[in-house]
PDB file of all heavy atoms in Angstrom:
ATOM      1  N   ALA A   1     -10.998  69.097-153.004  1.00  0.00           N
ATOM      2  CA  ALA A   1     -11.329  67.781-153.554  1.00  0.00           C
ATOM      3  C   ALA A   1     -12.834  67.616-153.672  1.00  0.00           C
ATOM      4  O   ALA A   1     -13.343  67.117-154.694  1.00  0.00           O
ATOM      5  CB  ALA A   1     -10.741  66.685-152.675  1.00  0.00           C
ATOM      6  N   GLU A   2     -13.565  68.033-152.656  1.00  0.00           N
ATOM      7  CA  GLU A   2     -15.028  67.935-152.713  1.00  0.00           C
ATOM      8  C   GLU A   2     -15.583  68.810-153.833  1.00  0.00           C
ATOM      9  O   GLU A   2     -16.501  68.412-154.561  1.00  0.00           O
ATOM     10  CB  GLU A   2     -15.642  68.334-151.373  1.00  0.00           C
ATOM     11  CG  GLU A   2     -17.164  68.215-151.384  1.00  0.00           C
ATOM     12  CD  GLU A   2     -17.787  68.477-150.025  1.00  0.00           C
ATOM     13  OE1 GLU A   2     -17.087  69.022-149.137  1.00  0.00           O
ATOM     14  OE2 GLU A   2     -18.969  68.131-149.857  1.00  0.00           O
ATOM     15  N   GLN A   3     -15.040  70.001-153.981  1.00  0.00           N
ATOM     16  CA  GLN A   3     -15.499  70.889-155.058  1.00  0.00           C
ATOM     17  C   GLN A   3     -15.244  70.277-156.423  1.00  0.00           C
ATOM     18  O   GLN A   3     -16.077  70.378-157.336  1.00  0.00           O
ATOM     19  CB  GLN A   3     -14.787  72.235-154.942  1.00  0.00           C
ATOM     20  CG  GLN A   3     -15.161  73.044-153.711  1.00  0.00           C
ATOM     21  CD  GLN A   3     -14.295  74.281-153.533  1.00  0.00           C
ATOM     22  OE1 GLN A   3     -13.417  74.582-154.362  1.00  0.00           O
ATOM     23  NE2 GLN A   3     -14.523  75.019-152.460  1.00  0.00           N
ATOM     24  N   GLU A   4     -14.101  69.607-156.579  1.00  0.00           N
ATOM     25  CA  GLU A   4     -13.771  68.986-157.858  1.00  0.00           C
ATOM     26  C   GLU A   4     -14.687  67.799-158.151  1.00  0.00           C
ATOM     27  O   GLU A   4     -15.127  67.611-159.296  1.00  0.00           O
ATOM     28  CB  GLU A   4     -12.313  68.540-157.868  1.00  0.00           C
ATOM     29  CG  GLU A   4     -11.835  67.959-159.183  1.00  0.00           C
ATOM     30  CD  GLU A   4     -11.767  68.963-160.318  1.00  0.00           C
ATOM     31  OE1 GLU A   4     -12.168  70.149-160.121  1.00  0.00           O
ATOM     32  OE2 GLU A   4     -11.318  68.596-161.416  1.00  0.00           O
ATOM     33  N   ILE A   5     -14.991  67.020-157.150  1.00  0.00           N
ATOM     34  CA  ILE A   5     -15.910  65.898-157.327  1.00  0.00           C
ATOM     35  C   ILE A   5     -17.276  66.399-157.768  1.00  0.00           C
ATOM     36  O   ILE A   5     -17.889  65.862-158.697  1.00  0.00           O
ATOM     37  CB  ILE A   5     -16.029  65.094-156.016  1.00  0.00           C
ATOM     38  CG1 ILE A   5     -14.730  64.327-155.748  1.00  0.00           C
ATOM     39  CG2 ILE A   5     -17.212  64.128-156.088  1.00  0.00           C
ATOM     40  CD1 ILE A   5     -14.678  63.685-154.374  1.00  0.00           C
ATOM     41  N   THR A   6     -17.757  67.447-157.110  1.00  0.00           N
ATOM     42  CA  THR A   6     -19.063  68.016-157.459  1.00  0.00           C
ATOM     43  C   THR A   6     -19.058  68.555-158.879  1.00  0.00           C
ATOM     44  O   THR A   6     -20.004  68.344-159.648  1.00  0.00           O
ATOM     45  CB  THR A   6     -19.429  69.139-156.476  1.00  0.00           C
ATOM     46  OG1 THR A   6     -19.484  68.604-155.149  1.00  0.00           O
ATOM     47  CG2 THR A   6     -20.777  69.758-156.831  1.00  0.00           C
ATOM     48  N   ARG A   7     -17.984  69.243-159.255  1.00  0.00           N
ATOM     49  CA  ARG A   7     -17.899  69.808-160.606  1.00  0.00           C
ATOM     50  C   ARG A   7     -17.936  68.716-161.671  1.00  0.00           C
ATOM     51  O   ARG A   7     -18.688  68.817-162.653  1.00  0.00           O
ATOM     52  CB  ARG A   7     -16.600  70.611-160.742  1.00  0.00           C
ATOM     53  CG  ARG A   7     -16.438  71.301-162.103  1.00  0.00           C
ATOM     54  CD  ARG A   7     -15.085  71.990-162.211  1.00  0.00           C
ATOM     55  NE  ARG A   7     -13.993  71.036-162.380  1.00  0.00           N
ATOM     56  CZ  ARG A   7     -13.639  70.503-163.555  1.00  0.00           C
ATOM     57  NH1 ARG A   7     -14.307  70.815-164.664  1.00  0.00           N
ATOM     58  NH2 ARG A   7     -12.622  69.662-163.625  1.00  0.00           N
ATOM     59  N   LEU A   8     -17.147  67.669-161.477  1.00  0.00           N
ATOM     60  CA  LEU A   8     -17.100  66.602-162.469  1.00  0.00           C
ATOM     61  C   LEU A   8     -18.393  65.800-162.491  1.00  0.00           C
ATOM     62  O   LEU A   8     -18.831  65.350-163.562  1.00  0.00           O
ATOM     63  CB  LEU A   8     -15.907  65.681-162.183  1.00  0.00           C
ATOM     64  CG  LEU A   8     -14.535  66.317-162.437  1.00  0.00           C
ATOM     65  CD1 LEU A   8     -13.416  65.388-161.973  1.00  0.00           C
ATOM     66  CD2 LEU A   8     -14.356  66.662-163.917  1.00  0.00           C
ATOM     67  N   ASP A   9     -19.019  65.643-161.358  1.00  0.00           N
ATOM     68  CA  ASP A   9     -20.307  64.952-161.311  1.00  0.00           C
ATOM     69  C   ASP A   9     -21.339  65.698-162.142  1.00  0.00           C
ATOM     70  O   ASP A   9     -22.079  65.108-162.946  1.00  0.00           O
ATOM     71  CB  ASP A   9     -20.768  64.839-159.852  1.00  0.00           C
ATOM     72  CG  ASP A   9     -22.009  63.983-159.690  1.00  0.00           C
ATOM     73  OD1 ASP A   9     -22.327  63.201-160.614  1.00  0.00           O
ATOM     74  OD2 ASP A   9     -22.655  64.072-158.628  1.00  0.00           O
ATOM     75  N   GLN A  10     -21.385  66.995-161.987  1.00  0.00           N
ATOM     76  CA  GLN A  10     -22.336  67.812-162.741  1.00  0.00           C
ATOM     77  C   GLN A  10     -22.014  67.840-164.223  1.00  0.00           C
ATOM     78  O   GLN A  10     -22.908  67.967-165.065  1.00  0.00           O
ATOM     79  CB  GLN A  10     -22.343  69.235-162.173  1.00  0.00           C
ATOM     80  CG  GLN A  10     -22.880  69.329-160.753  1.00  0.00           C
ATOM     81  CD  GLN A  10     -22.708  70.709-160.140  1.00  0.00           C
ATOM     82  OE1 GLN A  10     -21.957  71.541-160.648  1.00  0.00           O
ATOM     83  NE2 GLN A  10     -23.400  70.948-159.032  1.00  0.00           N
ATOM     84  N   LEU A  11     -20.752  67.696-164.559  1.00  0.00           N
ATOM     85  CA  LEU A  11     -20.323  67.745-165.953  1.00  0.00           C
ATOM     86  C   LEU A  11     -20.581  66.440-166.687  1.00  0.00           C
ATOM     87  O   LEU A  11     -20.976  66.438-167.856  1.00  0.00           O
ATOM     88  CB  LEU A  11     -18.827  68.070-166.010  1.00  0.00           C
ATOM     89  CG  LEU A  11     -18.191  68.218-167.394  1.00  0.00           C
ATOM     90  CD1 LEU A  11     -18.621  69.531-168.034  1.00  0.00           C
ATOM     91  CD2 LEU A  11     -16.674  68.150-167.284  1.00  0.00           C
ATOM     92  N   LEU A  12     -20.368  65.311-166.008  1.00  0.00           N
ATOM     93  CA  LEU A  12     -20.315  64.016-166.681  1.00  0.00           C
ATOM     94  C   LEU A  12     -21.546  63.142-166.489  1.00  0.00           C
ATOM     95  O   LEU A  12     -21.636  62.069-167.095  1.00  0.00           O
ATOM     96  CB  LEU A  12     -19.088  63.243-166.193  1.00  0.00           C
ATOM     97  CG  LEU A  12     -17.741  63.946-166.361  1.00  0.00           C
ATOM     98  CD1 LEU A  12     -16.629  63.118-165.743  1.00  0.00           C
ATOM     99  CD2 LEU A  12     -17.451  64.215-167.833  1.00  0.00           C
ATOM    100  N   SER A  13     -22.490  63.566-165.692  1.00  0.00           N
ATOM    101  CA  SER A  13     -23.674  62.760-165.435  1.00  0.00           C
ATOM    102  C   SER A  13     -24.455  62.480-166.716  1.00  0.00           C
ATOM    103  O   SER A  13     -24.654  63.363-167.551  1.00  0.00           O
ATOM    104  CB  SER A  13     -24.593  63.477-164.436  1.00  0.00           C
ATOM    105  OG  SER A  13     -25.840  62.819-164.343  1.00  0.00           O
ATOM    106  N   THR A  14     -24.913  61.238-166.873  1.00  0.00           N
ATOM    107  CA  THR A  14     -25.734  60.888-168.040  1.00  0.00           C
ATOM    108  C   THR A  14     -27.206  61.194-167.810  1.00  0.00           C
ATOM    109  O   THR A  14     -27.981  61.233-168.768  1.00  0.00           O
ATOM    110  CB  THR A  14     -25.591  59.391-168.366  1.00  0.00           C
ATOM    111  OG1 THR A  14     -25.866  58.632-167.179  1.00  0.00           O
ATOM    112  CG2 THR A  14     -24.193  59.076-168.885  1.00  0.00           C
ATOM    113  N   GLY A  15     -27.603  61.403-166.547  1.00  0.00           N
ATOM    114  CA  GLY A  15     -29.009  61.625-166.250  1.00  0.00           C
ATOM    115  C   GLY A  15     -29.378  63.053-165.923  1.00  0.00           C
ATOM    116  O   GLY A  15     -30.559  63.427-165.998  1.00  0.00           O
ATOM    117  N   ASP A  16     -28.398  63.882-165.571  1.00  0.00           N
ATOM    118  CA  ASP A  16     -28.648  65.281-165.226  1.00  0.00           C
ATOM    119  C   ASP A  16     -28.813  66.090-166.511  1.00  0.00           C
ATOM    120  O   ASP A  16     -27.895  66.192-167.321  1.00  0.00           O
ATOM    121  CB  ASP A  16     -27.485  65.827-164.400  1.00  0.00           C
ATOM    122  CG  ASP A  16     -27.717  67.238-163.913  1.00  0.00           C
ATOM    123  OD1 ASP A  16     -28.657  67.910-164.394  1.00  0.00           O
ATOM    124  OD2 ASP A  16     -26.934  67.701-163.056  1.00  0.00           O
ATOM    125  N   GLU A  17     -29.982  66.672-166.702  1.00  0.00           N
ATOM    126  CA  GLU A  17     -30.272  67.389-167.947  1.00  0.00           C
ATOM    127  C   GLU A  17     -29.400  68.621-168.147  1.00  0.00           C
ATOM    128  O   GLU A  17     -29.350  69.175-169.246  1.00  0.00           O
ATOM    129  CB  GLU A  17     -31.748  67.782-167.982  1.00  0.00           C
ATOM    130  CG  GLU A  17     -32.687  66.584-168.027  1.00  0.00           C
ATOM    131  CD  GLU A  17     -34.136  66.992-168.150  1.00  0.00           C
ATOM    132  OE1 GLU A  17     -34.403  68.214-168.282  1.00  0.00           O
ATOM    133  OE2 GLU A  17     -35.015  66.109-168.116  1.00  0.00           O
ATOM    134  N   THR A  18     -28.712  69.060-167.088  1.00  0.00           N
ATOM    135  CA  THR A  18     -27.838  70.226-167.219  1.00  0.00           C
ATOM    136  C   THR A  18     -26.399  69.835-167.528  1.00  0.00           C
ATOM    137  O   THR A  18     -25.558  70.708-167.753  1.00  0.00           O
ATOM    138  CB  THR A  18     -27.848  71.066-165.932  1.00  0.00           C
ATOM    139  OG1 THR A  18     -27.278  70.299-164.853  1.00  0.00           O
ATOM    140  CG2 THR A  18     -29.274  71.460-165.554  1.00  0.00           C
ATOM    141  N   SER A  19     -26.083  68.538-167.556  1.00  0.00           N
ATOM    142  CA  SER A  19     -24.703  68.107-167.755  1.00  0.00           C
ATOM    143  C   SER A  19     -24.306  68.170-169.223  1.00  0.00           C
ATOM    144  O   SER A  19     -25.151  68.114-170.127  1.00  0.00           O
ATOM    145  CB  SER A  19     -24.498  66.694-167.229  1.00  0.00           C
ATOM    146  OG  SER A  19     -24.961  65.731-168.167  1.00  0.00           O
ATOM    147  N   GLU A  20     -23.014  68.235-169.441  1.00  0.00           N
ATOM    148  CA  GLU A  20     -22.505  68.276-170.807  1.00  0.00           C
ATOM    149  C   GLU A  20     -22.718  66.946-171.525  1.00  0.00           C
ATOM    150  O   GLU A  20     -23.072  66.921-172.702  1.00  0.00           O
ATOM    151  CB  GLU A  20     -21.013  68.626-170.802  1.00  0.00           C
ATOM    152  CG  GLU A  20     -20.414  68.744-172.199  1.00  0.00           C
ATOM    153  CD  GLU A  20     -18.988  69.245-172.188  1.00  0.00           C
ATOM    154  OE1 GLU A  20     -18.619  69.959-171.230  1.00  0.00           O
ATOM    155  OE2 GLU A  20     -18.243  68.941-173.124  1.00  0.00           O
ATOM    156  N   VAL A  21     -22.515  65.849-170.813  1.00  0.00           N
ATOM    157  CA  VAL A  21     -22.696  64.539-171.435  1.00  0.00           C
ATOM    158  C   VAL A  21     -24.154  64.330-171.836  1.00  0.00           C
ATOM    159  O   VAL A  21     -24.442  63.797-172.915  1.00  0.00           O
ATOM    160  CB  VAL A  21     -22.222  63.416-170.493  1.00  0.00           C
ATOM    161  CG1 VAL A  21     -22.619  62.044-171.042  1.00  0.00           C
ATOM    162  CG2 VAL A  21     -20.709  63.488-170.306  1.00  0.00           C
ATOM    163  N   TYR A  22     -25.080  64.744-170.988  1.00  0.00           N
ATOM    164  CA  TYR A  22     -26.505  64.624-171.330  1.00  0.00           C
ATOM    165  C   TYR A  22     -26.814  65.410-172.589  1.00  0.00           C
ATOM    166  O   TYR A  22     -27.510  64.937-173.492  1.00  0.00           O
ATOM    167  CB  TYR A  22     -27.363  65.126-170.165  1.00  0.00           C
ATOM    168  CG  TYR A  22     -28.850  64.964-170.397  1.00  0.00           C
ATOM    169  CD1 TYR A  22     -29.504  63.803-170.003  1.00  0.00           C
ATOM    170  CD2 TYR A  22     -29.592  65.978-171.013  1.00  0.00           C
ATOM    171  CE1 TYR A  22     -30.869  63.650-170.212  1.00  0.00           C
ATOM    172  CE2 TYR A  22     -30.961  65.831-171.224  1.00  0.00           C
ATOM    173  CZ  TYR A  22     -31.588  64.666-170.824  1.00  0.00           C
ATOM    174  OH  TYR A  22     -32.944  64.517-171.043  1.00  0.00           O
ATOM    175  N   ARG A  23     -26.275  66.631-172.678  1.00  0.00           N
ATOM    176  CA  ARG A  23     -26.509  67.466-173.866  1.00  0.00           C
ATOM    177  C   ARG A  23     -25.935  66.819-175.116  1.00  0.00           C
ATOM    178  O   ARG A  23     -26.580  66.793-176.171  1.00  0.00           O
ATOM    179  CB  ARG A  23     -25.885  68.854-173.656  1.00  0.00           C
ATOM    180  CG  ARG A  23     -25.960  69.749-174.891  1.00  0.00           C
ATOM    181  CD  ARG A  23     -25.317  71.098-174.642  1.00  0.00           C
ATOM    182  NE  ARG A  23     -23.920  70.986-174.238  1.00  0.00           N
ATOM    183  CZ  ARG A  23     -22.917  70.769-175.078  1.00  0.00           C
ATOM    184  NH1 ARG A  23     -23.157  70.595-176.385  1.00  0.00           N
ATOM    185  NH2 ARG A  23     -21.678  70.720-174.641  1.00  0.00           N
ATOM    186  N   ILE A  24     -24.732  66.277-175.002  1.00  0.00           N
ATOM    187  CA  ILE A  24     -24.109  65.624-176.149  1.00  0.00           C
ATOM    188  C   ILE A  24     -24.969  64.462-176.638  1.00  0.00           C
ATOM    189  O   ILE A  24     -25.196  64.286-177.841  1.00  0.00           O
ATOM    190  CB  ILE A  24     -22.704  65.122-175.765  1.00  0.00           C
ATOM    191  CG1 ILE A  24     -21.757  66.303-175.564  1.00  0.00           C
ATOM    192  CG2 ILE A  24     -22.141  64.184-176.838  1.00  0.00           C
ATOM    193  CD1 ILE A  24     -20.453  65.927-174.914  1.00  0.00           C
ATOM    194  N   ASN A  25     -25.448  63.666-175.695  1.00  0.00           N
ATOM    195  CA  ASN A  25     -26.258  62.512-176.068  1.00  0.00           C
ATOM    196  C   ASN A  25     -27.588  62.910-176.691  1.00  0.00           C
ATOM    197  O   ASN A  25     -28.074  62.254-177.618  1.00  0.00           O
ATOM    198  CB  ASN A  25     -26.502  61.627-174.839  1.00  0.00           C
ATOM    199  CG  ASN A  25     -25.268  60.836-174.441  1.00  0.00           C
ATOM    200  OD1 ASN A  25     -24.367  60.623-175.250  1.00  0.00           O
ATOM    201  ND2 ASN A  25     -25.223  60.390-173.196  1.00  0.00           N
ATOM    202  N   GLN A  26     -28.178  63.971-176.195  1.00  0.00           N
ATOM    203  CA  GLN A  26     -29.471  64.412-176.731  1.00  0.00           C
ATOM    204  C   GLN A  26     -29.324  65.073-178.092  1.00  0.00           C
ATOM    205  O   GLN A  26     -30.192  64.913-178.970  1.00  0.00           O
ATOM    206  CB  GLN A  26     -30.137  65.389-175.752  1.00  0.00           C
ATOM    207  CG  GLN A  26     -30.532  64.762-174.430  1.00  0.00           C
ATOM    208  CD  GLN A  26     -31.477  63.595-174.594  1.00  0.00           C
ATOM    209  OE1 GLN A  26     -32.508  63.698-175.255  1.00  0.00           O
ATOM    210  NE2 GLN A  26     -31.142  62.459-173.988  1.00  0.00           N
ATOM    211  N   GLU A  27     -28.231  65.782-178.293  1.00  0.00           N
ATOM    212  CA  GLU A  27     -28.040  66.537-179.537  1.00  0.00           C
ATOM    213  C   GLU A  27     -27.226  65.780-180.577  1.00  0.00           C
ATOM    214  O   GLU A  27     -27.018  66.277-181.685  1.00  0.00           O
ATOM    215  CB  GLU A  27     -27.372  67.880-179.217  1.00  0.00           C
ATOM    216  CG  GLU A  27     -28.220  68.769-178.314  1.00  0.00           C
ATOM    217  CD  GLU A  27     -27.531  70.080-177.970  1.00  0.00           C
ATOM    218  OE1 GLU A  27     -26.387  70.298-178.446  1.00  0.00           O
ATOM    219  OE2 GLU A  27     -28.126  70.880-177.219  1.00  0.00           O
ATOM    220  N   GLY A  28     -26.733  64.612-180.207  1.00  0.00           N
ATOM    221  CA  GLY A  28     -25.960  63.830-181.159  1.00  0.00           C
ATOM    222  C   GLY A  28     -24.554  64.348-181.387  1.00  0.00           C
ATOM    223  O   GLY A  28     -23.965  64.124-182.453  1.00  0.00           O
ATOM    224  N   GLY A  29     -24.015  65.048-180.392  1.00  0.00           N
ATOM    225  CA  GLY A  29     -22.650  65.559-180.491  1.00  0.00           C
ATOM    226  C   GLY A  29     -22.555  66.995-180.044  1.00  0.00           C
ATOM    227  O   GLY A  29     -23.491  67.553-179.475  1.00  0.00           O
ATOM    228  N   GLY A  30     -21.397  67.611-180.308  1.00  0.00           N
ATOM    229  CA  GLY A  30     -21.192  69.000-179.934  1.00  0.00           C
ATOM    230  C   GLY A  30     -19.728  69.281-179.654  1.00  0.00           C
ATOM    231  O   GLY A  30     -18.865  68.416-179.809  1.00  0.00           O
ATOM    232  N   THR A  31     -19.459  70.523-179.240  1.00  0.00           N
ATOM    233  CA  THR A  31     -18.104  70.928-178.886  1.00  0.00           C
ATOM    234  C   THR A  31     -17.843  70.587-177.431  1.00  0.00           C
ATOM    235  O   THR A  31     -18.642  70.918-176.550  1.00  0.00           O
ATOM    236  CB  THR A  31     -17.914  72.434-179.097  1.00  0.00           C
ATOM    237  OG1 THR A  31     -18.224  72.761-180.451  1.00  0.00           O
ATOM    238  CG2 THR A  31     -16.489  72.850-178.786  1.00  0.00           C
ATOM    239  N   LEU A  32     -16.738  69.923-177.167  1.00  0.00           N
ATOM    240  CA  LEU A  32     -16.460  69.409-175.834  1.00  0.00           C
ATOM    241  C   LEU A  32     -15.617  70.377-175.011  1.00  0.00           C
ATOM    242  O   LEU A  32     -14.761  71.082-175.535  1.00  0.00           O
ATOM    243  CB  LEU A  32     -15.727  68.076-175.930  1.00  0.00           C
ATOM    244  CG  LEU A  32     -16.365  66.988-176.797  1.00  0.00           C
ATOM    245  CD1 LEU A  32     -15.571  65.687-176.689  1.00  0.00           C
ATOM    246  CD2 LEU A  32     -17.819  66.760-176.419  1.00  0.00           C
ATOM    247  N   SER A  33     -15.845  70.361-173.711  1.00  0.00           N
ATOM    248  CA  SER A  33     -15.000  71.108-172.787  1.00  0.00           C
ATOM    249  C   SER A  33     -13.686  70.355-172.600  1.00  0.00           C
ATOM    250  O   SER A  33     -13.496  69.248-173.110  1.00  0.00           O
ATOM    251  CB  SER A  33     -15.707  71.266-171.436  1.00  0.00           C
ATOM    252  OG  SER A  33     -15.867  69.998-170.825  1.00  0.00           O
ATOM    253  N   GLU A  34     -12.768  70.941-171.859  1.00  0.00           N
ATOM    254  CA  GLU A  34     -11.448  70.330-171.694  1.00  0.00           C
ATOM    255  C   GLU A  34     -11.534  68.940-171.073  1.00  0.00           C
ATOM    256  O   GLU A  34     -10.889  67.997-171.542  1.00  0.00           O
ATOM    257  CB  GLU A  34     -10.563  71.233-170.827  1.00  0.00           C
ATOM    258  CG  GLU A  34      -9.164  70.672-170.614  1.00  0.00           C
ATOM    259  CD  GLU A  34      -8.282  71.589-169.789  1.00  0.00           C
ATOM    260  OE1 GLU A  34      -8.744  72.691-169.410  1.00  0.00           O
ATOM    261  OE2 GLU A  34      -7.133  71.200-169.503  1.00  0.00           O
ATOM    262  N   ASP A  35     -12.344  68.791-170.018  1.00  0.00           N
ATOM    263  CA  ASP A  35     -12.432  67.499-169.343  1.00  0.00           C
ATOM    264  C   ASP A  35     -13.054  66.436-170.238  1.00  0.00           C
ATOM    265  O   ASP A  35     -12.529  65.319-170.342  1.00  0.00           O
ATOM    266  CB  ASP A  35     -13.255  67.623-168.057  1.00  0.00           C
ATOM    267  CG  ASP A  35     -12.563  68.450-167.003  1.00  0.00           C
ATOM    268  OD1 ASP A  35     -11.581  67.974-166.408  1.00  0.00           O
ATOM    269  OD2 ASP A  35     -13.001  69.593-166.772  1.00  0.00           O
ATOM    270  N   THR A  36     -14.173  66.740-170.861  1.00  0.00           N
ATOM    271  CA  THR A  36     -14.829  65.736-171.701  1.00  0.00           C
ATOM    272  C   THR A  36     -13.996  65.423-172.941  1.00  0.00           C
ATOM    273  O   THR A  36     -14.020  64.300-173.442  1.00  0.00           O
ATOM    274  CB  THR A  36     -16.237  66.196-172.117  1.00  0.00           C
ATOM    275  OG1 THR A  36     -16.177  67.505-172.673  1.00  0.00           O
ATOM    276  CG2 THR A  36     -17.177  66.191-170.930  1.00  0.00           C
ATOM    277  N   ALA A  37     -13.240  66.404-173.413  1.00  0.00           N
ATOM    278  CA  ALA A  37     -12.343  66.150-174.546  1.00  0.00           C
ATOM    279  C   ALA A  37     -11.254  65.168-174.141  1.00  0.00           C
ATOM    280  O   ALA A  37     -10.947  64.216-174.874  1.00  0.00           O
ATOM    281  CB  ALA A  37     -11.731  67.452-175.036  1.00  0.00           C
ATOM    282  N   LEU A  38     -10.663  65.384-172.965  1.00  0.00           N
ATOM    283  CA  LEU A  38      -9.627  64.471-172.483  1.00  0.00           C
ATOM    284  C   LEU A  38     -10.183  63.063-172.281  1.00  0.00           C
ATOM    285  O   LEU A  38      -9.545  62.074-172.649  1.00  0.00           O
ATOM    286  CB  LEU A  38      -9.045  65.004-171.169  1.00  0.00           C
ATOM    287  CG  LEU A  38      -8.115  66.201-171.267  1.00  0.00           C
ATOM    288  CD1 LEU A  38      -7.797  66.749-169.874  1.00  0.00           C
ATOM    289  CD2 LEU A  38      -6.820  65.832-171.982  1.00  0.00           C
ATOM    290  N   LEU A  39     -11.381  62.974-171.723  1.00  0.00           N
ATOM    291  CA  LEU A  39     -11.996  61.675-171.491  1.00  0.00           C
ATOM    292  C   LEU A  39     -12.347  60.988-172.804  1.00  0.00           C
ATOM    293  O   LEU A  39     -12.216  59.763-172.928  1.00  0.00           O
ATOM    294  CB  LEU A  39     -13.248  61.840-170.623  1.00  0.00           C
ATOM    295  CG  LEU A  39     -12.973  62.130-169.147  1.00  0.00           C
ATOM    296  CD1 LEU A  39     -14.222  62.648-168.452  1.00  0.00           C
ATOM    297  CD2 LEU A  39     -12.470  60.881-168.433  1.00  0.00           C
TER     298      LEU A  39
END
């Protein structure tokens, strides 16, 4: 459970420059991973 929380935190953070959501926002879109696609 802790590992999953950490993984999703790193994936979905709006402020972490390494996150997928941050990249999407900076680039104006992109191809989504399974989790972000579901969300």
